[in-house]
Amino acid sequence: MMENEEYLNKQEEDFAAHELKCSRCGACCGANDKDPCINLEKVQSGKYYCKIYENRIGRQKTISGREFSCIPIRDLTNEYLLSINCVYARTK
């Protein structure tokens, strides 16, 4: 049982470390497109944040109403080419 708990803790730590790398460029949420996610918000500092971050995974909409599935950034970086400004694209 302890091995399973240690594994789950390691998974959580890895996920948190991966998320901390984010530079908040907004590229993965469509900030550089003409049709970004409706939950993407640009703040005064120029960085982007998700208004519903904790509940973002699953069906979402863009500002034009197009539906898409929001997925964890780890999955996104494995499937798509991100902006050159994205820290995940630079560390692939």
PDB file of N, CA and C in Angstrom:
ATOM      1  N   MET A   1       0.822  -1.202   0.000  1.00  0.00           N
ATOM      2  CA  MET A   1       0.000   0.000   0.000  1.00  0.00           C
ATOM      3  C   MET A   1       0.865   1.266   0.000  1.00  0.00           C
ATOM      4  N   MET A   2       1.971   1.234   0.704  1.00  0.00           N
ATOM      5  CA  MET A   2       2.852   2.393   0.782  1.00  0.00           C
ATOM      6  C   MET A   2       3.433   2.745  -0.580  1.00  0.00           C
ATOM      7  N   GLU A   3       3.765   1.727  -1.388  1.00  0.00           N
ATOM      8  CA  GLU A   3       4.303   1.992  -2.720  1.00  0.00           C
ATOM      9  C   GLU A   3       3.309   2.781  -3.556  1.00  0.00           C
ATOM     10  N   ASN A   4       2.046   2.420  -3.490  1.00  0.00           N
ATOM     11  CA  ASN A   4       1.004   3.103  -4.253  1.00  0.00           C
ATOM     12  C   ASN A   4       0.879   4.557  -3.793  1.00  0.00           C
ATOM     13  N   GLU A   5       0.913   4.775  -2.494  1.00  0.00           N
ATOM     14  CA  GLU A   5       0.817   6.133  -1.955  1.00  0.00           C
ATOM     15  C   GLU A   5       2.020   6.970  -2.386  1.00  0.00           C
ATOM     16  N   GLU A   6       3.195   6.382  -2.333  1.00  0.00           N
ATOM     17  CA  GLU A   6       4.407   7.079  -2.771  1.00  0.00           C
ATOM     18  C   GLU A   6       4.333   7.419  -4.255  1.00  0.00           C
ATOM     19  N   TYR A   7       3.829   6.497  -5.043  1.00  0.00           N
ATOM     20  CA  TYR A   7       3.680   6.727  -6.484  1.00  0.00           C
ATOM     21  C   TYR A   7       2.720   7.882  -6.732  1.00  0.00           C
ATOM     22  N   LEU A   8       1.578   7.890  -6.064  1.00  0.00           N
ATOM     23  CA  LEU A   8       0.597   8.965  -6.242  1.00  0.00           C
ATOM     24  C   LEU A   8       1.167  10.307  -5.800  1.00  0.00           C
ATOM     25  N   ASN A   9       1.908  10.313  -4.706  1.00  0.00           N
ATOM     26  CA  ASN A   9       2.551  11.552  -4.247  1.00  0.00           C
ATOM     27  C   ASN A   9       3.558  12.053  -5.278  1.00  0.00           C
ATOM     28  N   LYS A  10       4.331  11.135  -5.859  1.00  0.00           N
ATOM     29  CA  LYS A  10       5.314  11.502  -6.887  1.00  0.00           C
ATOM     30  C   LYS A  10       4.612  12.069  -8.111  1.00  0.00           C
ATOM     31  N   GLN A  11       3.494  11.469  -8.501  1.00  0.00           N
ATOM     32  CA  GLN A  11       2.718  11.962  -9.639  1.00  0.00           C
ATOM     33  C   GLN A  11       2.236  13.386  -9.382  1.00  0.00           C
ATOM     34  N   GLU A  12       1.735  13.642  -8.190  1.00  0.00           N
ATOM     35  CA  GLU A  12       1.260  14.978  -7.825  1.00  0.00           C
ATOM     36  C   GLU A  12       2.402  15.988  -7.828  1.00  0.00           C
ATOM     37  N   GLU A  13       3.554  15.599  -7.304  1.00  0.00           N
ATOM     38  CA  GLU A  13       4.722  16.480  -7.301  1.00  0.00           C
ATOM     39  C   GLU A  13       5.174  16.797  -8.718  1.00  0.00           C
ATOM     40  N   ASP A  14       5.217  15.789  -9.572  1.00  0.00           N
ATOM     41  CA  ASP A  14       5.616  15.996 -10.963  1.00  0.00           C
ATOM     42  C   ASP A  14       4.641  16.921 -11.685  1.00  0.00           C
ATOM     43  N   PHE A  15       3.352  16.721 -11.449  1.00  0.00           N
ATOM     44  CA  PHE A  15       2.331  17.565 -12.070  1.00  0.00           C
ATOM     45  C   PHE A  15       2.503  19.016 -11.614  1.00  0.00           C
ATOM     46  N   ALA A  16       2.691  19.217 -10.314  1.00  0.00           N
ATOM     47  CA  ALA A  16       2.858  20.570  -9.777  1.00  0.00           C
ATOM     48  C   ALA A  16       4.110  21.239 -10.348  1.00  0.00           C
ATOM     49  N   ALA A  17       5.195  20.501 -10.440  1.00  0.00           N
ATOM     50  CA  ALA A  17       6.443  21.054 -10.993  1.00  0.00           C
ATOM     51  C   ALA A  17       6.255  21.433 -12.455  1.00  0.00           C
ATOM     52  N   HIS A  18       5.543  20.605 -13.196  1.00  0.00           N
ATOM     53  CA  HIS A  18       5.284  20.881 -14.606  1.00  0.00           C
ATOM     54  C   HIS A  18       4.443  22.148 -14.758  1.00  0.00           C
ATOM     55  N   GLU A  19       3.418  22.274 -13.954  1.00  0.00           N
ATOM     56  CA  GLU A  19       2.547  23.451 -14.016  1.00  0.00           C
ATOM     57  C   GLU A  19       3.297  24.731 -13.633  1.00  0.00           C
ATOM     58  N   LEU A  20       4.244  24.640 -12.713  1.00  0.00           N
ATOM     59  CA  LEU A  20       4.999  25.811 -12.278  1.00  0.00           C
ATOM     60  C   LEU A  20       5.881  26.387 -13.378  1.00  0.00           C
ATOM     61  N   LYS A  21       6.213  25.589 -14.378  1.00  0.00           N
ATOM     62  CA  LYS A  21       7.042  26.066 -15.487  1.00  0.00           C
ATOM     63  C   LYS A  21       6.310  27.084 -16.352  1.00  0.00           C
ATOM     64  N   CYS A  22       5.005  27.066 -16.293  1.00  0.00           N
ATOM     65  CA  CYS A  22       4.191  27.902 -17.184  1.00  0.00           C
ATOM     66  C   CYS A  22       4.552  29.381 -17.047  1.00  0.00           C
ATOM     67  N   SER A  23       4.801  30.030 -18.182  1.00  0.00           N
ATOM     68  CA  SER A  23       5.138  31.452 -18.182  1.00  0.00           C
ATOM     69  C   SER A  23       3.898  32.325 -18.384  1.00  0.00           C
ATOM     70  N   ARG A  24       2.732  31.695 -18.475  1.00  0.00           N
ATOM     71  CA  ARG A  24       1.447  32.392 -18.647  1.00  0.00           C
ATOM     72  C   ARG A  24       1.393  33.190 -19.952  1.00  0.00           C
ATOM     73  N   CYS A  25       1.932  32.588 -21.028  1.00  0.00           N
ATOM     74  CA  CYS A  25       1.912  33.260 -22.334  1.00  0.00           C
ATOM     75  C   CYS A  25       0.539  33.143 -23.001  1.00  0.00           C
ATOM     76  N   GLY A  26      -0.269  32.172 -22.577  1.00  0.00           N
ATOM     77  CA  GLY A  26      -1.612  32.002 -23.122  1.00  0.00           C
ATOM     78  C   GLY A  26      -1.672  31.275 -24.448  1.00  0.00           C
ATOM     79  N   ALA A  27      -0.524  30.859 -24.980  1.00  0.00           N
ATOM     80  CA  ALA A  27      -0.487  30.221 -26.299  1.00  0.00           C
ATOM     81  C   ALA A  27      -1.340  28.960 -26.363  1.00  0.00           C
ATOM     82  N   CYS A  28      -1.291  28.155 -25.311  1.00  0.00           N
ATOM     83  CA  CYS A  28      -2.040  26.889 -25.340  1.00  0.00           C
ATOM     84  C   CYS A  28      -3.543  27.112 -25.258  1.00  0.00           C
ATOM     85  N   CYS A  29      -3.971  28.312 -24.884  1.00  0.00           N
ATOM     86  CA  CYS A  29      -5.395  28.623 -24.772  1.00  0.00           C
ATOM     87  C   CYS A  29      -5.878  29.506 -25.915  1.00  0.00           C
ATOM     88  N   GLY A  30      -5.006  29.722 -26.896  1.00  0.00           N
ATOM     89  CA  GLY A  30      -5.398  30.476 -28.079  1.00  0.00           C
ATOM     90  C   GLY A  30      -5.131  31.970 -28.026  1.00  0.00           C
ATOM     91  N   ALA A  31      -4.301  32.438 -27.111  1.00  0.00           N
ATOM     92  CA  ALA A  31      -4.030  33.876 -26.998  1.00  0.00           C
ATOM     93  C   ALA A  31      -3.495  34.470 -28.293  1.00  0.00           C
ATOM     94  N   ASN A  32      -2.809  33.662 -29.096  1.00  0.00           N
ATOM     95  CA  ASN A  32      -2.226  34.157 -30.346  1.00  0.00           C
ATOM     96  C   ASN A  32      -3.150  33.935 -31.542  1.00  0.00           C
ATOM     97  N   ASP A  33      -4.282  33.301 -31.302  1.00  0.00           N
ATOM     98  CA  ASP A  33      -5.264  33.049 -32.359  1.00  0.00           C
ATOM     99  C   ASP A  33      -6.322  34.137 -32.336  1.00  0.00           C
ATOM    100  N   LYS A  34      -7.159  34.124 -33.325  1.00  0.00           N
ATOM    101  CA  LYS A  34      -8.270  35.074 -33.363  1.00  0.00           C
ATOM    102  C   LYS A  34      -9.481  34.546 -32.591  1.00  0.00           C
ATOM    103  N   ASP A  35      -9.386  33.317 -32.071  1.00  0.00           N
ATOM    104  CA  ASP A  35     -10.525  32.696 -31.401  1.00  0.00           C
ATOM    105  C   ASP A  35     -10.084  31.944 -30.137  1.00  0.00           C
ATOM    106  N   PRO A  36      -9.629  32.692 -29.107  1.00  0.00           N
ATOM    107  CA  PRO A  36      -9.161  32.030 -27.884  1.00  0.00           C
ATOM    108  C   PRO A  36     -10.306  31.514 -27.018  1.00  0.00           C
ATOM    109  N   CYS A  37      -9.949  30.763 -26.016  1.00  0.00           N
ATOM    110  CA  CYS A  37     -10.907  30.253 -25.038  1.00  0.00           C
ATOM    111  C   CYS A  37     -11.587  31.432 -24.327  1.00  0.00           C
ATOM    112  N   ILE A  38     -12.891  31.290 -24.066  1.00  0.00           N
ATOM    113  CA  ILE A  38     -13.623  32.364 -23.376  1.00  0.00           C
ATOM    114  C   ILE A  38     -13.156  32.549 -21.932  1.00  0.00           C
ATOM    115  N   ASN A  39     -12.471  31.567 -21.387  1.00  0.00           N
ATOM    116  CA  ASN A  39     -12.015  31.654 -20.000  1.00  0.00           C
ATOM    117  C   ASN A  39     -10.617  32.229 -19.851  1.00  0.00           C
ATOM    118  N   LEU A  40      -9.991  32.577 -20.978  1.00  0.00           N
ATOM    119  CA  LEU A  40      -8.647  33.142 -20.953  1.00  0.00           C
ATOM    120  C   LEU A  40      -8.747  34.635 -20.640  1.00  0.00           C
ATOM    121  N   GLU A  41      -8.008  35.061 -19.646  1.00  0.00           N
ATOM    122  CA  GLU A  41      -8.047  36.464 -19.246  1.00  0.00           C
ATOM    123  C   GLU A  41      -6.639  37.039 -19.225  1.00  0.00           C
ATOM    124  N   LYS A  42      -6.460  38.184 -19.873  1.00  0.00           N
ATOM    125  CA  LYS A  42      -5.171  38.871 -19.872  1.00  0.00           C
ATOM    126  C   LYS A  42      -5.198  39.918 -18.763  1.00  0.00           C
ATOM    127  N   VAL A  43      -4.184  39.884 -17.919  1.00  0.00           N
ATOM    128  CA  VAL A  43      -4.119  40.838 -16.816  1.00  0.00           C
ATOM    129  C   VAL A  43      -3.160  41.967 -17.166  1.00  0.00           C
ATOM    130  N   GLN A  44      -3.146  42.992 -16.345  1.00  0.00           N
ATOM    131  CA  GLN A  44      -2.372  44.194 -16.626  1.00  0.00           C
ATOM    132  C   GLN A  44      -0.889  43.919 -16.877  1.00  0.00           C
ATOM    133  N   SER A  45      -0.347  42.899 -16.261  1.00  0.00           N
ATOM    134  CA  SER A  45       1.072  42.575 -16.433  1.00  0.00           C
ATOM    135  C   SER A  45       1.365  42.002 -17.813  1.00  0.00           C
ATOM    136  N   GLY A  46       0.297  41.675 -18.576  1.00  0.00           N
ATOM    137  CA  GLY A  46       0.469  41.080 -19.894  1.00  0.00           C
ATOM    138  C   GLY A  46       0.422  39.567 -19.882  1.00  0.00           C
ATOM    139  N   LYS A  47       0.325  38.981 -18.699  1.00  0.00           N
ATOM    140  CA  LYS A  47       0.235  37.534 -18.589  1.00  0.00           C
ATOM    141  C   LYS A  47      -1.218  37.093 -18.686  1.00  0.00           C
ATOM    142  N   TYR A  48      -1.396  35.814 -18.975  1.00  0.00           N
ATOM    143  CA  TYR A  48      -2.727  35.253 -19.128  1.00  0.00           C
ATOM    144  C   TYR A  48      -3.038  34.270 -18.017  1.00  0.00           C
ATOM    145  N   TYR A  49      -4.304  34.226 -17.659  1.00  0.00           N
ATOM    146  CA  TYR A  49      -4.776  33.303 -16.634  1.00  0.00           C
ATOM    147  C   TYR A  49      -6.120  32.733 -17.048  1.00  0.00           C
ATOM    148  N   CYS A  50      -6.394  31.528 -16.591  1.00  0.00           N
ATOM    149  CA  CYS A  50      -7.674  30.883 -16.842  1.00  0.00           C
ATOM    150  C   CYS A  50      -8.620  31.245 -15.701  1.00  0.00           C
ATOM    151  N   LYS A  51      -9.806  31.756 -16.039  1.00  0.00           N
ATOM    152  CA  LYS A  51     -10.782  32.141 -15.023  1.00  0.00           C
ATOM    153  C   LYS A  51     -11.333  30.946 -14.264  1.00  0.00           C
ATOM    154  N   ILE A  52     -11.279  29.763 -14.860  1.00  0.00           N
ATOM    155  CA  ILE A  52     -11.844  28.562 -14.229  1.00  0.00           C
ATOM    156  C   ILE A  52     -10.790  27.467 -14.112  1.00  0.00           C
ATOM    157  N   TYR A  53      -9.565  27.821 -13.834  1.00  0.00           N
ATOM    158  CA  TYR A  53      -8.432  26.909 -13.902  1.00  0.00           C
ATOM    159  C   TYR A  53      -8.675  25.563 -13.229  1.00  0.00           C
ATOM    160  N   GLU A  54      -9.188  25.553 -12.039  1.00  0.00           N
ATOM    161  CA  GLU A  54      -9.389  24.304 -11.305  1.00  0.00           C
ATOM    162  C   GLU A  54     -10.440  23.403 -11.959  1.00  0.00           C
ATOM    163  N   ASN A  55     -11.313  23.974 -12.762  1.00  0.00           N
ATOM    164  CA  ASN A  55     -12.394  23.212 -13.407  1.00  0.00           C
ATOM    165  C   ASN A  55     -12.315  23.254 -14.931  1.00  0.00           C
ATOM    166  N   ARG A  56     -11.143  23.512 -15.476  1.00  0.00           N
ATOM    167  CA  ARG A  56     -10.989  23.747 -16.909  1.00  0.00           C
ATOM    168  C   ARG A  56     -11.044  22.491 -17.770  1.00  0.00           C
ATOM    169  N   ILE A  57     -10.653  21.344 -17.251  1.00  0.00           N
ATOM    170  CA  ILE A  57     -10.542  20.132 -18.054  1.00  0.00           C
ATOM    171  C   ILE A  57     -11.926  19.682 -18.517  1.00  0.00           C
ATOM    172  N   GLY A  58     -12.045  19.459 -19.809  1.00  0.00           N
ATOM    173  CA  GLY A  58     -13.324  19.035 -20.385  1.00  0.00           C
ATOM    174  C   GLY A  58     -13.795  19.998 -21.464  1.00  0.00           C
ATOM    175  N   ARG A  59     -15.073  19.955 -21.772  1.00  0.00           N
ATOM    176  CA  ARG A  59     -15.646  20.760 -22.847  1.00  0.00           C
ATOM    177  C   ARG A  59     -15.667  22.235 -22.470  1.00  0.00           C
ATOM    178  N   GLN A  60     -15.115  23.061 -23.364  1.00  0.00           N
ATOM    179  CA  GLN A  60     -15.095  24.507 -23.201  1.00  0.00           C
ATOM    180  C   GLN A  60     -15.458  25.141 -24.543  1.00  0.00           C
ATOM    181  N   LYS A  61     -15.525  26.470 -24.571  1.00  0.00           N
ATOM    182  CA  LYS A  61     -15.852  27.184 -25.809  1.00  0.00           C
ATOM    183  C   LYS A  61     -14.858  28.310 -26.047  1.00  0.00           C
ATOM    184  N   THR A  62     -14.718  28.646 -27.325  1.00  0.00           N
ATOM    185  CA  THR A  62     -13.911  29.804 -27.703  1.00  0.00           C
ATOM    186  C   THR A  62     -14.837  31.015 -27.739  1.00  0.00           C
ATOM    187  N   ILE A  63     -14.278  32.196 -27.980  1.00  0.00           N
ATOM    188  CA  ILE A  63     -15.113  33.399 -27.999  1.00  0.00           C
ATOM    189  C   ILE A  63     -16.140  33.381 -29.132  1.00  0.00           C
ATOM    190  N   SER A  64     -15.866  32.630 -30.197  1.00  0.00           N
ATOM    191  CA  SER A  64     -16.831  32.529 -31.291  1.00  0.00           C
ATOM    192  C   SER A  64     -17.886  31.450 -31.035  1.00  0.00           C
ATOM    193  N   GLY A  65     -17.695  30.664 -29.952  1.00  0.00           N
ATOM    194  CA  GLY A  65     -18.648  29.618 -29.627  1.00  0.00           C
ATOM    195  C   GLY A  65     -18.230  28.223 -30.063  1.00  0.00           C
ATOM    196  N   ARG A  66     -17.066  28.097 -30.691  1.00  0.00           N
ATOM    197  CA  ARG A  66     -16.577  26.774 -31.097  1.00  0.00           C
ATOM    198  C   ARG A  66     -16.240  25.969 -29.860  1.00  0.00           C
ATOM    199  N   GLU A  67     -16.706  24.725 -29.803  1.00  0.00           N
ATOM    200  CA  GLU A  67     -16.416  23.862 -28.662  1.00  0.00           C
ATOM    201  C   GLU A  67     -15.098  23.114 -28.867  1.00  0.00           C
ATOM    202  N   PHE A  68     -14.402  22.879 -27.771  1.00  0.00           N
ATOM    203  CA  PHE A  68     -13.157  22.108 -27.795  1.00  0.00           C
ATOM    204  C   PHE A  68     -13.002  21.445 -26.434  1.00  0.00           C
ATOM    205  N   SER A  69     -12.087  20.506 -26.355  1.00  0.00           N
ATOM    206  CA  SER A  69     -11.796  19.837 -25.084  1.00  0.00           C
ATOM    207  C   SER A  69     -10.503  20.386 -24.513  1.00  0.00           C
ATOM    208  N   CYS A  70     -10.591  20.990 -23.351  1.00  0.00           N
ATOM    209  CA  CYS A  70      -9.400  21.458 -22.653  1.00  0.00           C
ATOM    210  C   CYS A  70      -8.755  20.239 -21.995  1.00  0.00           C
ATOM    211  N   ILE A  71      -7.457  20.127 -22.177  1.00  0.00           N
ATOM    212  CA  ILE A  71      -6.720  18.989 -21.623  1.00  0.00           C
ATOM    213  C   ILE A  71      -5.524  19.508 -20.836  1.00  0.00           C
ATOM    214  N   PRO A  72      -4.947  18.704 -19.958  1.00  0.00           N
ATOM    215  CA  PRO A  72      -3.765  19.150 -19.207  1.00  0.00           C
ATOM    216  C   PRO A  72      -2.626  19.544 -20.155  1.00  0.00           C
ATOM    217  N   ILE A  73      -1.858  20.546 -19.770  1.00  0.00           N
ATOM    218  CA  ILE A  73      -0.769  21.049 -20.609  1.00  0.00           C
ATOM    219  C   ILE A  73       0.206  19.947 -20.972  1.00  0.00           C
ATOM    220  N   ARG A  74       0.417  18.994 -20.089  1.00  0.00           N
ATOM    221  CA  ARG A  74       1.332  17.890 -20.387  1.00  0.00           C
ATOM    222  C   ARG A  74       0.867  17.132 -21.626  1.00  0.00           C
ATOM    223  N   ASP A  75      -0.447  16.912 -21.740  1.00  0.00           N
ATOM    224  CA  ASP A  75      -0.994  16.232 -22.918  1.00  0.00           C
ATOM    225  C   ASP A  75      -0.918  17.127 -24.147  1.00  0.00           C
ATOM    226  N   LEU A  76      -1.166  18.400 -23.968  1.00  0.00           N
ATOM    227  CA  LEU A  76      -1.148  19.349 -25.077  1.00  0.00           C
ATOM    228  C   LEU A  76       0.227  19.450 -25.707  1.00  0.00           C
ATOM    229  N   THR A  77       1.261  19.489 -24.899  1.00  0.00           N
ATOM    230  CA  THR A  77       2.616  19.629 -25.446  1.00  0.00           C
ATOM    231  C   THR A  77       3.058  18.385 -26.195  1.00  0.00           C
ATOM    232  N   ASN A  78       2.453  17.259 -25.902  1.00  0.00           N
ATOM    233  CA  ASN A  78       2.793  16.031 -26.619  1.00  0.00           C
ATOM    234  C   ASN A  78       2.097  15.935 -27.967  1.00  0.00           C
ATOM    235  N   GLU A  79       1.028  16.692 -28.166  1.00  0.00           N
ATOM    236  CA  GLU A  79       0.232  16.571 -29.376  1.00  0.00           C
ATOM    237  C   GLU A  79       0.350  17.741 -30.350  1.00  0.00           C
ATOM    238  N   TYR A  80       0.655  18.922 -29.854  1.00  0.00           N
ATOM    239  CA  TYR A  80       0.600  20.115 -30.693  1.00  0.00           C
ATOM    240  C   TYR A  80       1.893  20.911 -30.624  1.00  0.00           C
ATOM    241  N   LEU A  81       2.152  21.667 -31.668  1.00  0.00           N
ATOM    242  CA  LEU A  81       3.272  22.591 -31.669  1.00  0.00           C
ATOM    243  C   LEU A  81       2.804  23.884 -31.013  1.00  0.00           C
ATOM    244  N   LEU A  82       3.451  24.277 -29.946  1.00  0.00           N
ATOM    245  CA  LEU A  82       3.081  25.489 -29.239  1.00  0.00           C
ATOM    246  C   LEU A  82       3.910  26.665 -29.729  1.00  0.00           C
ATOM    247  N   SER A  83       3.545  27.836 -29.305  1.00  0.00           N
ATOM    248  CA  SER A  83       4.264  29.056 -29.633  1.00  0.00           C
ATOM    249  C   SER A  83       5.730  28.933 -29.214  1.00  0.00           C
ATOM    250  N   ILE A  84       6.620  29.504 -29.983  1.00  0.00           N
ATOM    251  CA  ILE A  84       8.050  29.476 -29.659  1.00  0.00           C
ATOM    252  C   ILE A  84       8.304  30.174 -28.321  1.00  0.00           C
ATOM    253  N   ASN A  85       7.394  31.068 -27.914  1.00  0.00           N
ATOM    254  CA  ASN A  85       7.529  31.759 -26.640  1.00  0.00           C
ATOM    255  C   ASN A  85       7.138  30.875 -25.461  1.00  0.00           C
ATOM    256  N   CYS A  86       6.487  29.769 -25.724  1.00  0.00           N
ATOM    257  CA  CYS A  86       6.016  28.884 -24.661  1.00  0.00           C
ATOM    258  C   CYS A  86       7.196  28.130 -24.062  1.00  0.00           C
ATOM    259  N   VAL A  87       7.316  28.154 -22.740  1.00  0.00           N
ATOM    260  CA  VAL A  87       8.407  27.470 -22.071  1.00  0.00           C
ATOM    261  C   VAL A  87       8.379  25.970 -22.331  1.00  0.00           C
ATOM    262  N   TYR A  88       7.202  25.408 -22.523  1.00  0.00           N
ATOM    263  CA  TYR A  88       7.109  23.967 -22.793  1.00  0.00           C
ATOM    264  C   TYR A  88       7.641  23.632 -24.180  1.00  0.00           C
ATOM    265  N   ALA A  89       7.430  24.509 -25.145  1.00  0.00           N
ATOM    266  CA  ALA A  89       7.944  24.290 -26.491  1.00  0.00           C
ATOM    267  C   ALA A  89       9.469  24.377 -26.503  1.00  0.00           C
ATOM    268  N   ARG A  90      10.016  25.253 -25.689  1.00  0.00           N
ATOM    269  CA  ARG A  90      11.469  25.432 -25.642  1.00  0.00           C
ATOM    270  C   ARG A  90      12.181  24.304 -24.925  1.00  0.00           C
ATOM    271  N   THR A  91      11.463  23.555 -24.065  1.00  0.00           N
ATOM    272  CA  THR A  91      12.119  22.506 -23.290  1.00  0.00           C
ATOM    273  C   THR A  91      11.818  21.116 -23.822  1.00  0.00           C
ATOM    274  N   LYS A  92      11.183  21.015 -24.961  1.00  0.00           N
ATOM    275  CA  LYS A  92      10.870  19.693 -25.544  1.00  0.00           C
ATOM    276  C   LYS A  92      12.123  19.029 -26.054  1.00  0.00           C
TER     277      LYS A  92
END
